[in-house]
Amino acid sequence: MPDPSNVAVLEPIWLVEATYAPDAAETRVPFRAAHLAGIVARLDAGTYVEAGAFLDVSASVILVRAETADAAIELVRDDVYLRNGVWVEVRAWAFGRVARAGQ
């Protein structure tokens, strides 16, 4: 079996959960294109590692590269969903992402 330290590393990032408002399925519609464009831009920049939402429209999860929880939350606060009440709360947890060594 290969030495795990040669094939994988633990990248410290932040898991940010953004909770949807109860009426988000309807209220997000006019903001969705701008929201997705912002997510893609941050994915392309490498600031976001991954992003997605629970299909029951309860919350979204974004894996964020940032120095602190506050910095991760500030990046997400700029999202059109939060500015327009589609998301009503954001929280961040330290998260150890397993990545391939050398990536």
N, C-alpha and C. Protein backbone atom coordinates (compact mmCIF):
# COMPACT_ATOMS: atom_id res chain seq x y z
N MET A 1 0.85 -1.18 0.00
CA MET A 1 0.00 0.00 0.00
C MET A 1 0.90 1.24 0.00
N PRO A 2 0.58 2.26 -0.83
CA PRO A 2 1.43 3.45 -0.88
C PRO A 2 1.34 4.26 0.40
N ASP A 3 2.40 4.99 0.67
CA ASP A 3 2.43 5.89 1.82
C ASP A 3 1.43 7.02 1.57
N PRO A 4 0.40 7.20 2.44
CA PRO A 4 -0.62 8.23 2.21
C PRO A 4 -0.04 9.64 2.12
N SER A 5 1.08 9.90 2.78
CA SER A 5 1.66 11.24 2.73
C SER A 5 2.21 11.57 1.35
N ASN A 6 2.44 10.56 0.52
CA ASN A 6 2.92 10.80 -0.84
C ASN A 6 1.80 11.00 -1.85
N VAL A 7 0.58 10.63 -1.49
CA VAL A 7 -0.52 10.71 -2.44
C VAL A 7 -1.61 11.69 -2.04
N ALA A 8 -1.66 12.07 -0.77
CA ALA A 8 -2.73 12.97 -0.32
C ALA A 8 -2.21 13.96 0.71
N VAL A 9 -2.82 15.14 0.69
CA VAL A 9 -2.52 16.17 1.68
C VAL A 9 -3.85 16.68 2.23
N LEU A 10 -3.80 17.25 3.41
CA LEU A 10 -4.98 17.84 4.02
C LEU A 10 -4.91 19.35 3.85
N GLU A 11 -5.84 19.90 3.07
CA GLU A 11 -5.88 21.34 2.82
C GLU A 11 -6.86 21.98 3.81
N PRO A 12 -6.39 22.91 4.64
CA PRO A 12 -7.31 23.58 5.56
C PRO A 12 -8.12 24.65 4.82
N ILE A 13 -9.42 24.45 4.78
CA ILE A 13 -10.31 25.42 4.14
C ILE A 13 -11.51 25.63 5.06
N TRP A 14 -12.51 26.34 4.59
CA TRP A 14 -13.71 26.62 5.38
C TRP A 14 -14.93 26.09 4.65
N LEU A 15 -15.78 25.39 5.39
CA LEU A 15 -17.07 24.97 4.89
C LEU A 15 -18.07 26.02 5.35
N VAL A 16 -18.66 26.72 4.39
CA VAL A 16 -19.64 27.76 4.71
C VAL A 16 -21.02 27.23 4.35
N GLU A 17 -21.92 27.29 5.32
CA GLU A 17 -23.32 26.91 5.09
C GLU A 17 -24.14 28.19 5.04
N ALA A 18 -24.92 28.33 3.98
CA ALA A 18 -25.82 29.47 3.82
C ALA A 18 -27.25 28.95 3.84
N THR A 19 -28.01 29.38 4.84
CA THR A 19 -29.38 28.91 5.02
C THR A 19 -30.34 29.75 4.18
N TYR A 20 -31.23 29.07 3.46
CA TYR A 20 -32.22 29.75 2.64
C TYR A 20 -33.40 30.25 3.47
N ALA A 21 -33.99 31.36 3.04
CA ALA A 21 -35.25 31.84 3.60
C ALA A 21 -36.35 30.84 3.24
N PRO A 22 -37.43 30.79 4.03
CA PRO A 22 -38.50 29.83 3.75
C PRO A 22 -39.10 29.96 2.34
N ASP A 23 -39.11 31.17 1.79
CA ASP A 23 -39.70 31.39 0.46
C ASP A 23 -38.65 31.47 -0.65
N ALA A 24 -37.47 30.95 -0.39
CA ALA A 24 -36.34 31.10 -1.32
C ALA A 24 -36.59 30.49 -2.69
N ALA A 25 -37.35 29.41 -2.76
CA ALA A 25 -37.59 28.79 -4.07
C ALA A 25 -38.21 29.79 -5.05
N GLU A 26 -39.01 30.71 -4.53
CA GLU A 26 -39.62 31.74 -5.38
C GLU A 26 -38.76 33.00 -5.46
N THR A 27 -38.23 33.45 -4.33
CA THR A 27 -37.53 34.74 -4.32
C THR A 27 -36.16 34.70 -4.98
N ARG A 28 -35.57 33.53 -5.14
CA ARG A 28 -34.23 33.46 -5.74
C ARG A 28 -34.25 33.61 -7.26
N VAL A 29 -35.40 33.39 -7.89
CA VAL A 29 -35.48 33.34 -9.35
C VAL A 29 -34.85 34.56 -10.03
N PRO A 30 -35.19 35.81 -9.65
CA PRO A 30 -34.60 36.94 -10.38
C PRO A 30 -33.11 37.14 -10.12
N PHE A 31 -32.57 36.50 -9.10
CA PHE A 31 -31.16 36.68 -8.74
C PHE A 31 -30.28 35.49 -9.13
N ARG A 32 -30.90 34.42 -9.62
CA ARG A 32 -30.15 33.17 -9.80
C ARG A 32 -29.01 33.29 -10.82
N ALA A 33 -29.23 33.94 -11.94
CA ALA A 33 -28.16 34.05 -12.95
C ALA A 33 -26.96 34.79 -12.38
N ALA A 34 -27.20 35.89 -11.68
CA ALA A 34 -26.10 36.66 -11.08
C ALA A 34 -25.41 35.85 -9.99
N HIS A 35 -26.19 35.13 -9.20
CA HIS A 35 -25.63 34.28 -8.15
C HIS A 35 -24.70 33.23 -8.75
N LEU A 36 -25.17 32.51 -9.75
CA LEU A 36 -24.36 31.46 -10.37
C LEU A 36 -23.12 32.02 -11.05
N ALA A 37 -23.25 33.19 -11.68
CA ALA A 37 -22.08 33.82 -12.31
C ALA A 37 -21.03 34.17 -11.26
N GLY A 38 -21.47 34.65 -10.11
CA GLY A 38 -20.53 34.97 -9.03
C GLY A 38 -19.85 33.72 -8.49
N ILE A 39 -20.60 32.65 -8.34
CA ILE A 39 -20.02 31.38 -7.87
C ILE A 39 -18.96 30.90 -8.86
N VAL A 40 -19.31 30.89 -10.14
CA VAL A 40 -18.37 30.41 -11.17
C VAL A 40 -17.11 31.28 -11.19
N ALA A 41 -17.26 32.59 -11.06
CA ALA A 41 -16.09 33.47 -11.05
C ALA A 41 -15.16 33.14 -9.88
N ARG A 42 -15.73 32.86 -8.72
CA ARG A 42 -14.88 32.52 -7.56
C ARG A 42 -14.31 31.11 -7.66
N LEU A 43 -15.02 30.20 -8.30
CA LEU A 43 -14.45 28.88 -8.58
C LEU A 43 -13.26 29.02 -9.54
N ASP A 44 -13.45 29.81 -10.59
CA ASP A 44 -12.37 30.02 -11.57
C ASP A 44 -11.16 30.69 -10.94
N ALA A 45 -11.39 31.59 -9.98
CA ALA A 45 -10.30 32.29 -9.30
C ALA A 45 -9.61 31.41 -8.26
N GLY A 46 -10.24 30.29 -7.91
CA GLY A 46 -9.67 29.41 -6.90
C GLY A 46 -10.04 29.78 -5.48
N THR A 47 -10.86 30.80 -5.30
CA THR A 47 -11.31 31.20 -3.97
C THR A 47 -12.31 30.19 -3.42
N TYR A 48 -13.21 29.73 -4.27
CA TYR A 48 -14.13 28.66 -3.91
C TYR A 48 -13.58 27.36 -4.47
N VAL A 49 -13.69 26.30 -3.69
CA VAL A 49 -13.25 24.98 -4.12
C VAL A 49 -14.41 24.20 -4.73
N GLU A 50 -15.56 24.34 -4.11
CA GLU A 50 -16.77 23.62 -4.55
C GLU A 50 -17.96 24.38 -4.00
N ALA A 51 -19.10 24.26 -4.67
CA ALA A 51 -20.32 24.91 -4.19
C ALA A 51 -21.52 24.12 -4.68
N GLY A 52 -22.56 24.13 -3.89
CA GLY A 52 -23.79 23.46 -4.29
C GLY A 52 -24.86 23.67 -3.24
N ALA A 53 -26.06 23.22 -3.56
CA ALA A 53 -27.20 23.40 -2.66
C ALA A 53 -27.91 22.08 -2.43
N PHE A 54 -28.52 21.96 -1.27
CA PHE A 54 -29.39 20.82 -1.00
C PHE A 54 -30.63 20.97 -1.87
N LEU A 55 -31.10 19.88 -2.43
CA LEU A 55 -32.22 19.94 -3.37
C LEU A 55 -33.54 20.31 -2.71
N ASP A 56 -33.60 20.24 -1.37
CA ASP A 56 -34.82 20.67 -0.68
C ASP A 56 -34.83 22.18 -0.43
N VAL A 57 -33.87 22.91 -0.97
CA VAL A 57 -33.73 24.36 -0.84
C VAL A 57 -33.70 24.78 0.63
N SER A 58 -32.94 24.03 1.43
CA SER A 58 -32.77 24.39 2.84
C SER A 58 -31.48 25.16 3.07
N ALA A 59 -30.43 24.82 2.33
CA ALA A 59 -29.13 25.47 2.52
C ALA A 59 -28.22 25.20 1.34
N SER A 60 -27.23 26.05 1.21
CA SER A 60 -26.14 25.85 0.26
C SER A 60 -24.87 25.60 1.05
N VAL A 61 -23.91 24.92 0.43
CA VAL A 61 -22.61 24.68 1.04
C VAL A 61 -21.55 25.16 0.06
N ILE A 62 -20.60 25.94 0.57
CA ILE A 62 -19.50 26.45 -0.25
C ILE A 62 -18.21 26.14 0.49
N LEU A 63 -17.27 25.52 -0.20
CA LEU A 63 -15.94 25.30 0.36
C LEU A 63 -15.07 26.47 -0.08
N VAL A 64 -14.54 27.21 0.91
CA VAL A 64 -13.88 28.49 0.66
C VAL A 64 -12.43 28.44 1.13
N ARG A 65 -11.54 28.96 0.30
CA ARG A 65 -10.15 29.16 0.72
C ARG A 65 -10.06 30.56 1.33
N ALA A 66 -9.78 30.61 2.63
CA ALA A 66 -9.65 31.88 3.35
C ALA A 66 -8.81 31.63 4.59
N GLU A 67 -8.26 32.69 5.16
CA GLU A 67 -7.41 32.57 6.34
C GLU A 67 -8.20 32.29 7.62
N THR A 68 -9.41 32.87 7.71
CA THR A 68 -10.20 32.75 8.93
C THR A 68 -11.67 32.51 8.58
N ALA A 69 -12.44 32.11 9.57
CA ALA A 69 -13.89 31.94 9.38
C ALA A 69 -14.52 33.26 8.98
N ASP A 70 -14.12 34.34 9.65
CA ASP A 70 -14.68 35.66 9.32
C ASP A 70 -14.38 36.04 7.87
N ALA A 71 -13.16 35.76 7.41
CA ALA A 71 -12.80 36.08 6.02
C ALA A 71 -13.63 35.25 5.05
N ALA A 72 -13.86 33.99 5.37
CA ALA A 72 -14.69 33.13 4.51
C ALA A 72 -16.12 33.65 4.44
N ILE A 73 -16.66 34.02 5.59
CA ILE A 73 -18.03 34.55 5.63
C ILE A 73 -18.12 35.86 4.87
N GLU A 74 -17.12 36.72 4.98
CA GLU A 74 -17.15 37.99 4.25
C GLU A 74 -17.19 37.77 2.74
N LEU A 75 -16.47 36.78 2.26
CA LEU A 75 -16.52 36.47 0.82
C LEU A 75 -17.93 36.08 0.40
N VAL A 76 -18.59 35.28 1.22
CA VAL A 76 -19.94 34.82 0.90
C VAL A 76 -20.96 35.95 1.08
N ARG A 77 -20.72 36.86 2.01
CA ARG A 77 -21.65 37.98 2.25
C ARG A 77 -21.85 38.84 1.00
N ASP A 78 -20.89 38.82 0.10
CA ASP A 78 -20.99 39.61 -1.12
C ASP A 78 -21.95 38.99 -2.14
N ASP A 79 -22.44 37.79 -1.89
CA ASP A 79 -23.31 37.10 -2.84
C ASP A 79 -24.67 37.80 -2.93
N VAL A 80 -25.18 37.88 -4.14
CA VAL A 80 -26.47 38.52 -4.39
C VAL A 80 -27.60 37.84 -3.61
N TYR A 81 -27.49 36.55 -3.33
CA TYR A 81 -28.52 35.88 -2.55
C TYR A 81 -28.59 36.43 -1.13
N LEU A 82 -27.47 36.65 -0.50
CA LEU A 82 -27.49 37.17 0.87
C LEU A 82 -27.92 38.63 0.89
N ARG A 83 -27.44 39.39 -0.08
CA ARG A 83 -27.80 40.83 -0.13
C ARG A 83 -29.29 41.04 -0.37
N ASN A 84 -29.97 40.04 -0.94
CA ASN A 84 -31.38 40.20 -1.27
C ASN A 84 -32.31 39.29 -0.48
N GLY A 85 -31.83 38.72 0.62
CA GLY A 85 -32.69 37.96 1.52
C GLY A 85 -33.03 36.55 1.09
N VAL A 86 -32.39 36.05 0.03
CA VAL A 86 -32.62 34.65 -0.37
C VAL A 86 -31.95 33.73 0.64
N TRP A 87 -30.73 34.07 1.02
CA TRP A 87 -30.05 33.43 2.14
C TRP A 87 -30.26 34.31 3.36
N VAL A 88 -30.50 33.71 4.50
CA VAL A 88 -30.77 34.50 5.71
C VAL A 88 -29.70 34.34 6.79
N GLU A 89 -28.83 33.35 6.65
CA GLU A 89 -27.79 33.13 7.66
C GLU A 89 -26.62 32.41 7.01
N VAL A 90 -25.41 32.78 7.42
CA VAL A 90 -24.22 32.05 6.98
C VAL A 90 -23.38 31.69 8.20
N ARG A 91 -22.81 30.48 8.18
CA ARG A 91 -21.94 30.00 9.25
C ARG A 91 -20.75 29.31 8.60
N ALA A 92 -19.63 29.29 9.30
CA ALA A 92 -18.42 28.67 8.75
C ALA A 92 -17.81 27.72 9.76
N TRP A 93 -17.31 26.60 9.24
CA TRP A 93 -16.58 25.62 10.05
C TRP A 93 -15.24 25.35 9.38
N ALA A 94 -14.21 25.16 10.21
CA ALA A 94 -12.92 24.72 9.69
C ALA A 94 -13.11 23.32 9.11
N PHE A 95 -12.52 23.08 7.95
CA PHE A 95 -12.74 21.84 7.21
C PHE A 95 -11.41 21.37 6.63
N GLY A 96 -11.10 20.11 6.82
CA GLY A 96 -9.88 19.55 6.24
C GLY A 96 -10.22 18.81 4.96
N ARG A 97 -9.85 19.39 3.84
CA ARG A 97 -10.14 18.79 2.54
C ARG A 97 -8.98 17.89 2.12
N VAL A 98 -9.29 16.66 1.79
CA VAL A 98 -8.26 15.75 1.29
C VAL A 98 -8.05 16.06 -0.19
N ALA A 99 -6.80 16.35 -0.54
CA ALA A 99 -6.44 16.67 -1.92
C ALA A 99 -5.28 15.79 -2.35
N ARG A 100 -5.14 15.59 -3.63
CA ARG A 100 -4.00 14.83 -4.14
C ARG A 100 -2.73 15.63 -3.90
N ALA A 101 -1.68 14.96 -3.50
CA ALA A 101 -0.39 15.62 -3.30
C ALA A 101 0.05 16.27 -4.61
N GLY A 102 0.56 17.50 -4.50
CA GLY A 102 1.04 18.21 -5.68
C GLY A 102 -0.01 18.99 -6.43
N GLN A 103 -1.23 19.04 -5.93
CA GLN A 103 -2.27 19.82 -6.62
C GLN A 103 -2.67 21.02 -5.81
